[in-house]
């Protein structure tokens, strides 16, 4: 599993050395990176013809990092706040998201499940 993204300059150096005729092992030793990394960079360059980062797969998150942090701060400050109130506060910031999205985000970070007041009272 890949753990980090290498800089564009490093990837360009790898390709430069490869074009100069150096092998994977020599490039690896010269730049002090694993041979498998050198191999992956060169393979990507051969396939796509570029060393830039390619777009990631998957849907972008609905909540931005800034809004998520604001939600967490708000929920931590006021433990009895409802999901509906949090939803209204995010709408004021400019991001309208569903209650479920807010509940999931808080559950992920705080480990707290939130429900609307109707569900707490036992109503559907």
Protein backbone atom coordinates (compact mmCIF):
# COMPACT_ATOMS: atom_id res chain seq x y z
CA UNK A 1 0.00 0.00 0.00
CA UNK A 2 1.32 3.42 -0.93
CA UNK A 3 1.92 5.68 2.02
CA UNK A 4 2.86 9.05 0.57
CA UNK A 5 3.04 11.06 -2.59
CA UNK A 6 6.49 12.01 -3.85
CA UNK A 7 7.30 15.50 -5.06
CA UNK A 8 7.10 16.34 -8.73
CA UNK A 9 10.84 17.20 -8.71
CA UNK A 10 11.76 13.73 -7.41
CA UNK A 11 9.60 12.01 -10.02
CA UNK A 12 11.17 14.17 -12.75
CA UNK A 13 14.67 13.23 -11.49
CA UNK A 14 13.75 9.54 -11.69
CA UNK A 15 12.59 9.92 -15.30
CA UNK A 16 15.66 12.01 -16.16
CA UNK A 17 17.99 9.29 -14.85
CA UNK A 18 15.95 6.59 -16.59
CA UNK A 19 16.25 8.43 -19.91
CA UNK A 20 20.01 8.70 -19.30
CA UNK A 21 20.14 4.90 -19.30
CA UNK A 22 20.40 4.10 -15.59
CA UNK A 23 18.64 1.01 -14.26
CA UNK A 24 16.07 0.86 -11.48
CA UNK A 25 18.60 -0.21 -8.87
CA UNK A 26 21.09 2.58 -9.72
CA UNK A 27 18.35 5.23 -9.70
CA UNK A 28 17.08 3.85 -6.39
CA UNK A 29 20.52 4.08 -4.79
CA UNK A 30 21.27 7.53 -6.25
CA UNK A 31 18.03 9.08 -4.99
CA UNK A 32 17.76 6.99 -1.81
CA UNK A 33 14.24 5.70 -2.52
CA UNK A 34 12.98 2.11 -2.80
CA UNK A 35 13.39 0.31 -6.12
CA UNK A 36 9.67 -0.42 -6.19
CA UNK A 37 8.99 3.33 -6.03
CA UNK A 38 11.33 3.94 -8.96
CA UNK A 39 9.59 1.16 -10.86
CA UNK A 40 6.13 2.59 -10.12
CA UNK A 41 7.13 6.12 -11.20
CA UNK A 42 8.63 4.87 -14.47
CA UNK A 43 5.66 2.60 -15.16
CA UNK A 44 3.24 5.49 -14.64
CA UNK A 45 5.36 7.72 -16.89
CA UNK A 46 5.40 5.08 -19.65
CA UNK A 47 1.64 4.57 -19.40
CA UNK A 48 0.46 8.19 -19.13
CA UNK A 49 3.45 10.14 -20.47
CA UNK A 50 3.49 12.47 -17.48
CA UNK A 51 4.70 12.67 -13.90
CA UNK A 52 1.90 14.91 -12.59
CA UNK A 53 -0.58 13.58 -10.06
CA UNK A 54 -3.59 12.04 -11.74
CA UNK A 55 -7.14 12.73 -10.52
CA UNK A 56 -8.34 10.48 -7.73
CA UNK A 57 -11.31 8.18 -8.01
CA UNK A 58 -14.48 8.59 -6.02
CA UNK A 59 -16.91 11.27 -5.12
CA UNK A 60 -15.51 14.37 -3.39
CA UNK A 61 -16.73 14.82 0.18
CA UNK A 62 -19.85 16.94 0.62
CA UNK A 63 -18.49 18.66 3.74
CA UNK A 64 -15.32 20.70 3.39
CA UNK A 65 -12.69 20.40 6.10
CA UNK A 66 -13.53 23.88 7.34
CA UNK A 67 -17.24 23.12 7.71
CA UNK A 68 -16.52 19.76 9.35
CA UNK A 69 -14.27 21.44 11.94
CA UNK A 70 -16.94 24.09 12.60
CA UNK A 71 -19.53 21.35 13.14
CA UNK A 72 -17.28 19.55 15.60
CA UNK A 73 -16.55 22.77 17.50
CA UNK A 74 -20.24 23.61 17.63
CA UNK A 75 -21.21 20.13 18.86
CA UNK A 76 -18.43 20.10 21.47
CA UNK A 77 -19.41 23.55 22.78
CA UNK A 78 -23.10 22.69 23.03
CA UNK A 79 -23.58 18.99 23.84
CA UNK A 80 -27.39 19.22 23.69
CA UNK A 81 -27.50 20.74 20.20
CA UNK A 82 -29.78 18.98 17.73
CA UNK A 83 -28.86 17.82 14.26
CA UNK A 84 -31.44 20.23 12.83
CA UNK A 85 -29.74 23.17 14.54
CA UNK A 86 -26.37 22.03 13.20
CA UNK A 87 -27.92 21.70 9.75
CA UNK A 88 -29.18 25.28 9.92
CA UNK A 89 -25.75 26.52 11.03
CA UNK A 90 -24.06 24.83 8.06
CA UNK A 91 -26.66 26.33 5.72
CA UNK A 92 -25.74 29.79 7.06
CA UNK A 93 -22.10 29.11 6.19
CA UNK A 94 -23.20 28.30 2.66
CA UNK A 95 -23.17 24.50 2.58
CA UNK A 96 -26.53 22.79 2.70
CA UNK A 97 -26.12 19.17 3.73
CA UNK A 98 -28.52 16.50 4.91
CA UNK A 99 -28.93 15.68 8.61
CA UNK A 100 -27.55 12.20 7.98
CA UNK A 101 -24.32 13.66 6.58
CA UNK A 102 -23.87 15.77 9.71
CA UNK A 103 -24.64 12.83 11.97
CA UNK A 104 -22.14 10.60 10.13
CA UNK A 105 -19.41 13.24 10.28
CA UNK A 106 -19.81 13.71 14.03
CA UNK A 107 -20.04 9.98 14.66
CA UNK A 108 -16.81 9.43 12.74
CA UNK A 109 -14.89 12.01 14.78
CA UNK A 110 -16.57 12.09 18.17
CA UNK A 111 -18.02 8.59 18.25
CA UNK A 112 -21.41 10.08 19.09
CA UNK A 113 -24.62 9.21 17.30
CA UNK A 114 -27.03 12.11 17.00
CA UNK A 115 -30.71 11.95 16.22
CA UNK A 116 -33.40 14.54 15.77
CA UNK A 117 -35.55 15.34 18.83
CA UNK A 118 -38.48 13.42 17.31
CA UNK A 119 -36.56 10.13 17.38
CA UNK A 120 -35.35 10.77 20.92
CA UNK A 121 -38.96 11.14 22.07
CA UNK A 122 -39.83 7.83 20.44
CA UNK A 123 -41.86 9.32 17.60
CA UNK A 124 -41.30 8.41 13.96
